[in-house]
């Protein structure tokens, strides 16, 4: 998907390889973890954390177009009905 973050497998964990749309880890981190979050370029960002942060927006968008959408907390499960 154009503009969507890309991941690579590093030490058995999928981590962000590129952010897309001009984003960087340095801008993403304080926006999601808060302004006092510390980060170093040697510390990769888990791709699952990025996706987990997108789930509430996805659910909201699905609901805004008339779908019944439920995210099961603590999982990747999303149930959608129309």
Protein backbone atom coordinates (compact mmCIF):
# COMPACT_ATOMS: atom_id res chain seq x y z
CA UNK A 1 0.00 0.00 0.00
CA UNK A 2 1.49 3.31 -1.06
CA UNK A 3 2.42 5.53 1.89
CA UNK A 4 1.95 2.72 4.44
CA UNK A 5 4.83 1.72 6.75
CA UNK A 6 6.89 -1.25 5.57
CA UNK A 7 8.40 -3.93 7.78
CA UNK A 8 11.32 -6.35 7.76
CA UNK A 9 12.07 -9.40 9.86
CA UNK A 10 14.90 -8.69 12.30
CA UNK A 11 15.89 -11.22 14.97
CA UNK A 12 12.53 -13.02 14.62
CA UNK A 13 10.54 -9.78 15.09
CA UNK A 14 8.88 -7.68 12.40
CA UNK A 15 10.14 -4.11 12.77
CA UNK A 16 9.46 -0.92 10.84
CA UNK A 17 11.78 -0.64 7.85
CA UNK A 18 10.33 2.52 6.28
CA UNK A 19 7.56 4.82 7.49
CA UNK A 20 6.00 6.18 4.31
CA UNK A 21 4.47 9.62 3.77
CA UNK A 22 7.52 11.41 5.17
CA UNK A 23 7.10 10.00 8.69
CA UNK A 24 10.02 8.99 10.89
CA UNK A 25 10.42 7.04 14.10
CA UNK A 26 11.52 10.29 15.75
CA UNK A 27 8.14 11.88 14.94
CA UNK A 28 6.00 8.76 15.46
CA UNK A 29 7.36 7.90 18.90
CA UNK A 30 6.37 11.03 20.86
CA UNK A 31 3.04 11.18 19.02
CA UNK A 32 2.13 7.70 20.28
CA UNK A 33 4.14 7.15 23.46
CA UNK A 34 4.13 10.73 24.70
CA UNK A 35 6.54 13.67 24.61
CA UNK A 36 8.90 12.24 27.22
CA UNK A 37 9.44 8.93 25.40
CA UNK A 38 13.07 8.16 24.76
CA UNK A 39 14.33 6.50 21.61
CA UNK A 40 17.59 5.86 19.82
CA UNK A 41 18.05 5.04 16.13
CA UNK A 42 19.54 1.67 17.15
CA UNK A 43 16.23 0.68 18.76
CA UNK A 44 13.85 -0.62 16.09
CA UNK A 45 10.12 -0.02 16.43
CA UNK A 46 8.04 -3.23 16.50
CA UNK A 47 5.67 -3.26 13.51
CA UNK A 48 2.95 -4.79 15.70
CA UNK A 49 3.02 -1.66 17.89
CA UNK A 50 2.44 0.54 14.84
CA UNK A 51 -0.45 -1.63 13.64
CA UNK A 52 -1.99 -1.77 17.14
CA UNK A 53 -1.97 2.02 17.20
CA UNK A 54 -3.90 2.10 13.92
CA UNK A 55 -6.70 -0.23 15.03
CA UNK A 56 -8.85 2.39 16.83
CA UNK A 57 -8.79 4.64 13.76
CA UNK A 58 -9.62 1.70 11.48
CA UNK A 59 -12.58 0.71 13.67
CA UNK A 60 -13.79 4.31 13.73
CA UNK A 61 -13.56 4.65 9.95
CA UNK A 62 -15.43 1.37 9.44
CA UNK A 63 -18.19 2.55 11.77
CA UNK A 64 -18.36 5.92 10.02
CA UNK A 65 -19.37 4.19 6.77
CA UNK A 66 -22.12 2.21 8.46
CA UNK A 67 -20.37 -1.03 9.32
CA UNK A 68 -20.67 -2.69 12.70
CA UNK A 69 -17.04 -3.12 13.72
CA UNK A 70 -15.67 -4.55 16.96
CA UNK A 71 -12.00 -4.96 17.90
CA UNK A 72 -11.40 -7.70 20.47
CA UNK A 73 -9.00 -6.08 22.95
CA UNK A 74 -5.63 -7.75 23.37
CA UNK A 75 -5.91 -9.50 20.00
CA UNK A 76 -5.72 -8.74 16.29
CA UNK A 77 -9.33 -9.88 15.85
CA UNK A 78 -11.70 -7.43 14.23
CA UNK A 79 -15.30 -8.45 13.52
CA UNK A 80 -17.13 -6.51 10.84
CA UNK A 81 -20.74 -6.92 9.78
CA UNK A 82 -22.92 -4.92 7.44
